[in-house]
Amino acid sequence: MDARNFTFMFYGFAAAWLIVAIYVISLARRGARLKRELENVKQLVQAGHTAREEDIEHRVR
């Protein structure tokens, strides 16, 4: 192989690793966003559960 082939091979590997890195970063960001969404849903469910308990207590009185 001559030097030109090695240059193209280097650029090919660099492009492949760049694509892999971008993909991994996007997965990490999606995971973080899903974690935040799950926490928001948990808070909404908890708030709804608390509101229903207060409503039941109000009806019993």
PDB file of N, CA and C in Angstrom:
ATOM      1  N   MET A   1       0.844  -1.190   0.000  1.00  0.00           N
ATOM      2  CA  MET A   1       0.000   0.000   0.000  1.00  0.00           C
ATOM      3  C   MET A   1       0.878   1.239   0.000  1.00  0.00           C
ATOM      4  N   ASP A   2       0.470   2.191  -0.769  1.00  0.00           N
ATOM      5  CA  ASP A   2       1.236   3.430  -0.791  1.00  0.00           C
ATOM      6  C   ASP A   2       0.650   4.418   0.225  1.00  0.00           C
ATOM      7  N   ALA A   3       1.309   5.538   0.390  1.00  0.00           N
ATOM      8  CA  ALA A   3       0.933   6.529   1.405  1.00  0.00           C
ATOM      9  C   ALA A   3      -0.465   7.087   1.154  1.00  0.00           C
ATOM     10  N   ARG A   4      -0.861   7.175  -0.101  1.00  0.00           N
ATOM     11  CA  ARG A   4      -2.172   7.721  -0.413  1.00  0.00           C
ATOM     12  C   ARG A   4      -3.286   6.811   0.124  1.00  0.00           C
ATOM     13  N   ASN A   5      -3.090   5.507   0.014  1.00  0.00           N
ATOM     14  CA  ASN A   5      -4.077   4.570   0.537  1.00  0.00           C
ATOM     15  C   ASN A   5      -4.196   4.686   2.059  1.00  0.00           C
ATOM     16  N   PHE A   6      -3.065   4.853   2.732  1.00  0.00           N
ATOM     17  CA  PHE A   6      -3.095   5.006   4.184  1.00  0.00           C
ATOM     18  C   PHE A   6      -3.818   6.287   4.588  1.00  0.00           C
ATOM     19  N   THR A   7      -3.633   7.320   3.791  1.00  0.00           N
ATOM     20  CA  THR A   7      -4.324   8.583   4.078  1.00  0.00           C
ATOM     21  C   THR A   7      -5.826   8.395   3.982  1.00  0.00           C
ATOM     22  N   PHE A   8      -6.283   7.740   2.904  1.00  0.00           N
ATOM     23  CA  PHE A   8      -7.722   7.504   2.759  1.00  0.00           C
ATOM     24  C   PHE A   8      -8.252   6.588   3.861  1.00  0.00           C
ATOM     25  N   MET A   9      -7.444   5.585   4.237  1.00  0.00           N
ATOM     26  CA  MET A   9      -7.851   4.677   5.310  1.00  0.00           C
ATOM     27  C   MET A   9      -7.967   5.442   6.626  1.00  0.00           C
ATOM     28  N   PHE A  10      -7.013   6.334   6.895  1.00  0.00           N
ATOM     29  CA  PHE A  10      -7.065   7.141   8.109  1.00  0.00           C
ATOM     30  C   PHE A  10      -8.333   7.997   8.137  1.00  0.00           C
ATOM     31  N   TYR A  11      -8.634   8.664   7.027  1.00  0.00           N
ATOM     32  CA  TYR A  11      -9.828   9.505   6.973  1.00  0.00           C
ATOM     33  C   TYR A  11     -11.106   8.675   7.112  1.00  0.00           C
ATOM     34  N   GLY A  12     -11.098   7.494   6.553  1.00  0.00           N
ATOM     35  CA  GLY A  12     -12.257   6.603   6.689  1.00  0.00           C
ATOM     36  C   GLY A  12     -12.477   6.192   8.131  1.00  0.00           C
ATOM     37  N   PHE A  13     -11.387   5.775   8.806  1.00  0.00           N
ATOM     38  CA  PHE A  13     -11.510   5.408  10.215  1.00  0.00           C
ATOM     39  C   PHE A  13     -11.888   6.606  11.080  1.00  0.00           C
ATOM     40  N   ALA A  14     -11.332   7.753  10.775  1.00  0.00           N
ATOM     41  CA  ALA A  14     -11.664   8.962  11.545  1.00  0.00           C
ATOM     42  C   ALA A  14     -13.147   9.299  11.383  1.00  0.00           C
ATOM     43  N   ALA A  15     -13.659   9.186  10.166  1.00  0.00           N
ATOM     44  CA  ALA A  15     -15.074   9.462   9.933  1.00  0.00           C
ATOM     45  C   ALA A  15     -15.948   8.444  10.665  1.00  0.00           C
ATOM     46  N   ALA A  16     -15.545   7.182  10.640  1.00  0.00           N
ATOM     47  CA  ALA A  16     -16.324   6.146  11.326  1.00  0.00           C
ATOM     48  C   ALA A  16     -16.359   6.398  12.831  1.00  0.00           C
ATOM     49  N   TRP A  17     -15.224   6.725  13.422  1.00  0.00           N
ATOM     50  CA  TRP A  17     -15.183   6.995  14.857  1.00  0.00           C
ATOM     51  C   TRP A  17     -15.970   8.258  15.213  1.00  0.00           C
ATOM     52  N   LEU A  18     -15.926   9.235  14.340  1.00  0.00           N
ATOM     53  CA  LEU A  18     -16.706  10.450  14.577  1.00  0.00           C
ATOM     54  C   LEU A  18     -18.204  10.130  14.589  1.00  0.00           C
ATOM     55  N   ILE A  19     -18.632   9.305  13.646  1.00  0.00           N
ATOM     56  CA  ILE A  19     -20.043   8.905  13.597  1.00  0.00           C
ATOM     57  C   ILE A  19     -20.419   8.128  14.852  1.00  0.00           C
ATOM     58  N   VAL A  20     -19.558   7.207  15.283  1.00  0.00           N
ATOM     59  CA  VAL A  20     -19.826   6.439  16.505  1.00  0.00           C
ATOM     60  C   VAL A  20     -19.894   7.365  17.716  1.00  0.00           C
ATOM     61  N   ALA A  21     -18.994   8.311  17.819  1.00  0.00           N
ATOM     62  CA  ALA A  21     -18.988   9.238  18.950  1.00  0.00           C
ATOM     63  C   ALA A  21     -20.254  10.087  18.975  1.00  0.00           C
ATOM     64  N   ILE A  22     -20.664  10.587  17.824  1.00  0.00           N
ATOM     65  CA  ILE A  22     -21.890  11.391  17.753  1.00  0.00           C
ATOM     66  C   ILE A  22     -23.094  10.546  18.162  1.00  0.00           C
ATOM     67  N   TYR A  23     -23.133   9.288  17.718  1.00  0.00           N
ATOM     68  CA  TYR A  23     -24.233   8.393  18.067  1.00  0.00           C
ATOM     69  C   TYR A  23     -24.280   8.136  19.572  1.00  0.00           C
ATOM     70  N   VAL A  24     -23.133   7.875  20.182  1.00  0.00           N
ATOM     71  CA  VAL A  24     -23.084   7.617  21.621  1.00  0.00           C
ATOM     72  C   VAL A  24     -23.506   8.856  22.404  1.00  0.00           C
ATOM     73  N   ILE A  25     -23.063  10.020  21.974  1.00  0.00           N
ATOM     74  CA  ILE A  25     -23.462  11.264  22.642  1.00  0.00           C
ATOM     75  C   ILE A  25     -24.965  11.476  22.520  1.00  0.00           C
ATOM     76  N   SER A  26     -25.520  11.198  21.342  1.00  0.00           N
ATOM     77  CA  SER A  26     -26.964  11.368  21.175  1.00  0.00           C
ATOM     78  C   SER A  26     -27.737  10.382  22.052  1.00  0.00           C
ATOM     79  N   LEU A  27     -27.229   9.158  22.202  1.00  0.00           N
ATOM     80  CA  LEU A  27     -27.879   8.194  23.091  1.00  0.00           C
ATOM     81  C   LEU A  27     -27.832   8.666  24.541  1.00  0.00           C
ATOM     82  N   ALA A  28     -26.713   9.203  24.954  1.00  0.00           N
ATOM     83  CA  ALA A  28     -26.589   9.693  26.326  1.00  0.00           C
ATOM     84  C   ALA A  28     -27.550  10.856  26.568  1.00  0.00           C
ATOM     85  N   ARG A  29     -27.672  11.752  25.609  1.00  0.00           N
ATOM     86  CA  ARG A  29     -28.597  12.881  25.761  1.00  0.00           C
ATOM     87  C   ARG A  29     -30.043  12.402  25.815  1.00  0.00           C
ATOM     88  N   ARG A  30     -30.392  11.431  24.957  1.00  0.00           N
ATOM     89  CA  ARG A  30     -31.753  10.883  24.979  1.00  0.00           C
ATOM     90  C   ARG A  30     -32.045  10.222  26.314  1.00  0.00           C
ATOM     91  N   GLY A  31     -31.057   9.488  26.833  1.00  0.00           N
ATOM     92  CA  GLY A  31     -31.230   8.838  28.135  1.00  0.00           C
ATOM     93  C   GLY A  31     -31.459   9.838  29.242  1.00  0.00           C
ATOM     94  N   ALA A  32     -30.703  10.921  29.219  1.00  0.00           N
ATOM     95  CA  ALA A  32     -30.869  11.963  30.238  1.00  0.00           C
ATOM     96  C   ALA A  32     -32.241  12.622  30.116  1.00  0.00           C
ATOM     97  N   ARG A  33     -32.675  12.862  28.873  1.00  0.00           N
ATOM     98  CA  ARG A  33     -33.991  13.471  28.667  1.00  0.00           C
ATOM     99  C   ARG A  33     -35.105  12.533  29.132  1.00  0.00           C
ATOM    100  N   LEU A  34     -34.974  11.245  28.857  1.00  0.00           N
ATOM    101  CA  LEU A  34     -35.972  10.278  29.310  1.00  0.00           C
ATOM    102  C   LEU A  34     -36.011  10.194  30.835  1.00  0.00           C
ATOM    103  N   LYS A  35     -34.841  10.283  31.452  1.00  0.00           N
ATOM    104  CA  LYS A  35     -34.782  10.246  32.915  1.00  0.00           C
ATOM    105  C   LYS A  35     -35.520  11.453  33.511  1.00  0.00           C
ATOM    106  N   ARG A  36     -35.316  12.638  32.916  1.00  0.00           N
ATOM    107  CA  ARG A  36     -36.018  13.832  33.387  1.00  0.00           C
ATOM    108  C   ARG A  36     -37.527  13.685  33.192  1.00  0.00           C
ATOM    109  N   GLU A  37     -37.930  13.158  32.035  1.00  0.00           N
ATOM    110  CA  GLU A  37     -39.356  12.965  31.771  1.00  0.00           C
ATOM    111  C   GLU A  37     -39.969  11.993  32.763  1.00  0.00           C
ATOM    112  N   LEU A  38     -39.260  10.915  33.063  1.00  0.00           N
ATOM    113  CA  LEU A  38     -39.759   9.939  34.027  1.00  0.00           C
ATOM    114  C   LEU A  38     -39.924  10.565  35.406  1.00  0.00           C
ATOM    115  N   GLU A  39     -38.979  11.382  35.803  1.00  0.00           N
ATOM    116  CA  GLU A  39     -39.100  12.067  37.092  1.00  0.00           C
ATOM    117  C   GLU A  39     -40.321  12.999  37.097  1.00  0.00           C
ATOM    118  N   ASN A  40     -40.557  13.706  35.987  1.00  0.00           N
ATOM    119  CA  ASN A  40     -41.729  14.579  35.898  1.00  0.00           C
ATOM    120  C   ASN A  40     -43.018  13.783  36.002  1.00  0.00           C
ATOM    121  N   VAL A  41     -43.064  12.641  35.334  1.00  0.00           N
ATOM    122  CA  VAL A  41     -44.265  11.801  35.394  1.00  0.00           C
ATOM    123  C   VAL A  41     -44.470  11.285  36.811  1.00  0.00           C
ATOM    124  N   LYS A  42     -43.397  10.873  37.466  1.00  0.00           N
ATOM    125  CA  LYS A  42     -43.509  10.407  38.855  1.00  0.00           C
ATOM    126  C   LYS A  42     -44.070  11.511  39.746  1.00  0.00           C
ATOM    127  N   GLN A  43     -43.591  12.735  39.549  1.00  0.00           N
ATOM    128  CA  GLN A  43     -44.089  13.852  40.357  1.00  0.00           C
ATOM    129  C   GLN A  43     -45.560  14.121  40.067  1.00  0.00           C
ATOM    130  N   LEU A  44     -45.959  14.050  38.795  1.00  0.00           N
ATOM    131  CA  LEU A  44     -47.364  14.262  38.447  1.00  0.00           C
ATOM    132  C   LEU A  44     -48.254  13.189  39.057  1.00  0.00           C
ATOM    133  N   VAL A  45     -47.805  11.940  39.002  1.00  0.00           N
ATOM    134  CA  VAL A  45     -48.586  10.846  39.590  1.00  0.00           C
ATOM    135  C   VAL A  45     -48.691  11.035  41.091  1.00  0.00           C
ATOM    136  N   GLN A  46     -47.583  11.390  41.713  1.00  0.00           N
ATOM    137  CA  GLN A  46     -47.594  11.602  43.160  1.00  0.00           C
ATOM    138  C   GLN A  46     -48.510  12.772  43.528  1.00  0.00           C
ATOM    139  N   ALA A  47     -48.465  13.848  42.758  1.00  0.00           N
ATOM    140  CA  ALA A  47     -49.318  15.009  43.028  1.00  0.00           C
ATOM    141  C   ALA A  47     -50.783  14.638  42.831  1.00  0.00           C
ATOM    142  N   GLY A  48     -51.077  13.859  41.799  1.00  0.00           N
ATOM    143  CA  GLY A  48     -52.445  13.423  41.564  1.00  0.00           C
ATOM    144  C   GLY A  48     -52.934  12.507  42.664  1.00  0.00           C
ATOM    145  N   HIS A  49     -52.069  11.634  43.148  1.00  0.00           N
ATOM    146  CA  HIS A  49     -52.417  10.719  44.232  1.00  0.00           C
ATOM    147  C   HIS A  49     -52.704  11.503  45.506  1.00  0.00           C
ATOM    148  N   THR A  50     -51.886  12.495  45.797  1.00  0.00           N
ATOM    149  CA  THR A  50     -52.083  13.334  46.978  1.00  0.00           C
ATOM    150  C   THR A  50     -53.388  14.115  46.868  1.00  0.00           C
ATOM    151  N   ALA A  51     -53.674  14.640  45.683  1.00  0.00           N
ATOM    152  CA  ALA A  51     -54.915  15.400  45.489  1.00  0.00           C
ATOM    153  C   ALA A  51     -56.127  14.501  45.679  1.00  0.00           C
ATOM    154  N   ARG A  52     -56.076  13.264  45.206  1.00  0.00           N
ATOM    155  CA  ARG A  52     -57.202  12.347  45.388  1.00  0.00           C
ATOM    156  C   ARG A  52     -57.390  12.007  46.854  1.00  0.00           C
ATOM    157  N   GLU A  53     -56.309  11.831  47.597  1.00  0.00           N
ATOM    158  CA  GLU A  53     -56.421  11.544  49.029  1.00  0.00           C
ATOM    159  C   GLU A  53     -57.072  12.710  49.749  1.00  0.00           C
ATOM    160  N   GLU A  54     -56.674  13.930  49.401  1.00  0.00           N
ATOM    161  CA  GLU A  54     -57.274  15.102  50.030  1.00  0.00           C
ATOM    162  C   GLU A  54     -58.749  15.210  49.681  1.00  0.00           C
ATOM    163  N   ASP A  55     -59.116  14.881  48.444  1.00  0.00           N
ATOM    164  CA  ASP A  55     -60.509  14.919  48.020  1.00  0.00           C
ATOM    165  C   ASP A  55     -61.323  13.891  48.799  1.00  0.00           C
ATOM    166  N   ILE A  56     -60.769  12.704  48.983  1.00  0.00           N
ATOM    167  CA  ILE A  56     -61.476  11.658  49.745  1.00  0.00           C
ATOM    168  C   ILE A  56     -61.641  12.089  51.189  1.00  0.00           C
ATOM    169  N   GLU A  57     -60.601  12.651  51.785  1.00  0.00           N
ATOM    170  CA  GLU A  57     -60.699  13.108  53.166  1.00  0.00           C
ATOM    171  C   GLU A  57     -61.753  14.216  53.295  1.00  0.00           C
ATOM    172  N   HIS A  58     -61.837  15.091  52.316  1.00  0.00           N
ATOM    173  CA  HIS A  58     -62.811  16.171  52.344  1.00  0.00           C
ATOM    174  C   HIS A  58     -64.237  15.606  52.243  1.00  0.00           C
ATOM    175  N   ARG A  59     -64.453  14.605  51.444  1.00  0.00           N
ATOM    176  CA  ARG A  59     -65.769  14.003  51.293  1.00  0.00           C
ATOM    177  C   ARG A  59     -66.205  13.269  52.547  1.00  0.00           C
ATOM    178  N   VAL A  60     -65.248  12.661  53.264  1.00  0.00           N
ATOM    179  CA  VAL A  60     -65.569  11.901  54.475  1.00  0.00           C
ATOM    180  C   VAL A  60     -66.005  12.839  55.587  1.00  0.00           C
ATOM    181  N   ARG A  61     -65.463  14.030  55.629  1.00  0.00           N
ATOM    182  CA  ARG A  61     -65.791  14.970  56.707  1.00  0.00           C
ATOM    183  C   ARG A  61     -67.124  15.530  56.553  1.00  0.00           C
TER     184      ARG A  61
END
